[in-house]
Structures are given as structure tokens and as C-alpha cells.
């Protein structure tokens, strides 16, 4: 059974989050790279779980055009 991923760890900088081993930052065992993988809270901030969690909300226009300037042209 997979380990439960901690959403708000106390000291995320002390652990490598690259695999399910959660090694100490100074003793990486998996060989998944030469540096530790950061926890999402370190990269995106405390609200990282809120991003993209609403499947009914779309950040792209209904026209399928992602450039707002072109969306006005398309209609």
C-alpha cells in the first residue's frame, strides 16, 4: 500500500519528495537524480492544493482559443 502524501509537512526541506521512499535530503537512495525533489508547498506556496482542483472550472475560453487577444477575433 502506498504511503499517504503529506499535504503540509513541518520541515519539507529535510526530505526528498521524488519517490515514495521519502529519504533524508542528505542521503538519497533511489538514484532519481543528484538533487532532492522539492515538495509542492516549497515551489507553489501554502495553497498548492487549491490549484486546478475544481474540475467544473475552466481557465480556457469556451472557444478553445487560449490567447485573450485572439479570443476577441474568434468571437
C-alpha atoms as a PDB file:
ATOM      1  CA  UNK A   1       0.000   0.000   0.000  1.00  0.00           C
ATOM      2  CA  UNK A   2       1.335   3.439  -0.926  1.00  0.00           C
ATOM      3  CA  UNK A   3       2.211   5.932   1.753  1.00  0.00           C
ATOM      4  CA  UNK A   4      -0.128   8.870   2.248  1.00  0.00           C
ATOM      5  CA  UNK A   5       1.434  12.031   0.807  1.00  0.00           C
ATOM      6  CA  UNK A   6       1.716  14.759   3.465  1.00  0.00           C
ATOM      7  CA  UNK A   7      -0.034  17.950   2.359  1.00  0.00           C
ATOM      8  CA  UNK A   8       1.627  20.347   4.834  1.00  0.00           C
ATOM      9  CA  UNK A   9       4.813  18.766   6.243  1.00  0.00           C
ATOM     10  CA  UNK A  10       6.513  20.580   9.122  1.00  0.00           C
ATOM     11  CA  UNK A  11      10.000  20.673   7.540  1.00  0.00           C
ATOM     12  CA  UNK A  12       9.671  19.861   3.828  1.00  0.00           C
ATOM     13  CA  UNK A  13      13.271  20.940   3.168  1.00  0.00           C
ATOM     14  CA  UNK A  14      14.605  17.968   5.150  1.00  0.00           C
ATOM     15  CA  UNK A  15      13.106  15.300   2.849  1.00  0.00           C
ATOM     16  CA  UNK A  16      13.360  14.369  -0.831  1.00  0.00           C
ATOM     17  CA  UNK A  17       9.862  14.028  -2.302  1.00  0.00           C
ATOM     18  CA  UNK A  18      10.918  12.368  -5.588  1.00  0.00           C
ATOM     19  CA  UNK A  19       9.578   8.879  -4.815  1.00  0.00           C
ATOM     20  CA  UNK A  20       7.761   7.026  -2.055  1.00  0.00           C
ATOM     21  CA  UNK A  21      10.931   6.406  -0.006  1.00  0.00           C
ATOM     22  CA  UNK A  22      10.977   9.989   1.375  1.00  0.00           C
ATOM     23  CA  UNK A  23      14.731   9.903   2.050  1.00  0.00           C
ATOM     24  CA  UNK A  24      16.547  12.481   4.131  1.00  0.00           C
ATOM     25  CA  UNK A  25      17.840  15.315   1.943  1.00  0.00           C
ATOM     26  CA  UNK A  26      21.451  14.277   2.513  1.00  0.00           C
ATOM     27  CA  UNK A  27      21.042  10.523   1.858  1.00  0.00           C
ATOM     28  CA  UNK A  28      19.161   9.961  -1.401  1.00  0.00           C
ATOM     29  CA  UNK A  29      18.798   6.221  -2.010  1.00  0.00           C
ATOM     30  CA  UNK A  30      16.658   5.938  -5.137  1.00  0.00           C
ATOM     31  CA  UNK A  31      19.114   7.449  -7.616  1.00  0.00           C
ATOM     32  CA  UNK A  32      16.272   9.512  -9.063  1.00  0.00           C
ATOM     33  CA  UNK A  33      18.688  12.370  -9.710  1.00  0.00           C
ATOM     34  CA  UNK A  34      21.517  14.101  -7.962  1.00  0.00           C
ATOM     35  CA  UNK A  35      19.464  16.637  -6.020  1.00  0.00           C
ATOM     36  CA  UNK A  36      16.397  16.321  -3.849  1.00  0.00           C
ATOM     37  CA  UNK A  37      12.928  16.840  -5.284  1.00  0.00           C
ATOM     38  CA  UNK A  38      11.117  19.690  -3.596  1.00  0.00           C
ATOM     39  CA  UNK A  39       7.692  19.369  -2.019  1.00  0.00           C
ATOM     40  CA  UNK A  40       4.935  21.274  -3.885  1.00  0.00           C
ATOM     41  CA  UNK A  41       4.463  23.590  -0.892  1.00  0.00           C
ATOM     42  CA  UNK A  42       8.077  24.756  -1.384  1.00  0.00           C
ATOM     43  CA  UNK A  43       7.536  25.521  -5.062  1.00  0.00           C
ATOM     44  CA  UNK A  44       3.952  26.797  -5.199  1.00  0.00           C
ATOM     45  CA  UNK A  45       3.167  28.011  -1.671  1.00  0.00           C
ATOM     46  CA  UNK A  46       0.721  27.005   1.025  1.00  0.00           C
ATOM     47  CA  UNK A  47      -2.278  26.983  -1.342  1.00  0.00           C
ATOM     48  CA  UNK A  48      -0.798  24.464  -3.791  1.00  0.00           C
ATOM     49  CA  UNK A  49      -3.651  22.010  -3.241  1.00  0.00           C
ATOM     50  CA  UNK A  50      -6.212  24.592  -4.392  1.00  0.00           C
ATOM     51  CA  UNK A  51      -4.763  24.896  -7.902  1.00  0.00           C
ATOM     52  CA  UNK A  52      -6.737  23.005 -10.507  1.00  0.00           C
ATOM     53  CA  UNK A  53      -8.819  21.089  -8.024  1.00  0.00           C
ATOM     54  CA  UNK A  54     -12.160  22.260  -9.442  1.00  0.00           C
ATOM     55  CA  UNK A  55     -12.970  20.087 -12.484  1.00  0.00           C
ATOM     56  CA  UNK A  56     -16.013  22.215 -13.393  1.00  0.00           C
ATOM     57  CA  UNK A  57     -13.952  25.382 -13.698  1.00  0.00           C
ATOM     58  CA  UNK A  58     -12.104  26.004 -16.944  1.00  0.00           C
ATOM     59  CA  UNK A  59      -9.315  28.566 -17.298  1.00  0.00           C
ATOM     60  CA  UNK A  60      -9.551  28.493 -21.107  1.00  0.00           C
ATOM     61  CA  UNK A  61     -12.247  30.290 -23.078  1.00  0.00           C
ATOM     62  CA  UNK A  62     -15.129  28.252 -24.455  1.00  0.00           C
ATOM     63  CA  UNK A  63     -13.872  28.983 -27.976  1.00  0.00           C
ATOM     64  CA  UNK A  64     -10.768  26.892 -27.350  1.00  0.00           C
ATOM     65  CA  UNK A  65      -8.501  29.863 -28.044  1.00  0.00           C
ATOM     66  CA  UNK A  66      -6.005  30.359 -25.237  1.00  0.00           C
ATOM     67  CA  UNK A  67      -4.761  33.826 -26.316  1.00  0.00           C
ATOM     68  CA  UNK A  68      -7.170  36.506 -24.982  1.00  0.00           C
ATOM     69  CA  UNK A  69      -6.334  38.843 -27.892  1.00  0.00           C
ATOM     70  CA  UNK A  70      -7.330  36.162 -30.424  1.00  0.00           C
ATOM     71  CA  UNK A  71     -10.441  35.207 -28.449  1.00  0.00           C
ATOM     72  CA  UNK A  72     -11.928  38.608 -29.344  1.00  0.00           C
ATOM     73  CA  UNK A  73     -11.231  37.899 -33.032  1.00  0.00           C
ATOM     74  CA  UNK A  74     -12.838  34.451 -32.941  1.00  0.00           C
ATOM     75  CA  UNK A  75     -15.969  35.689 -31.276  1.00  0.00           C
END
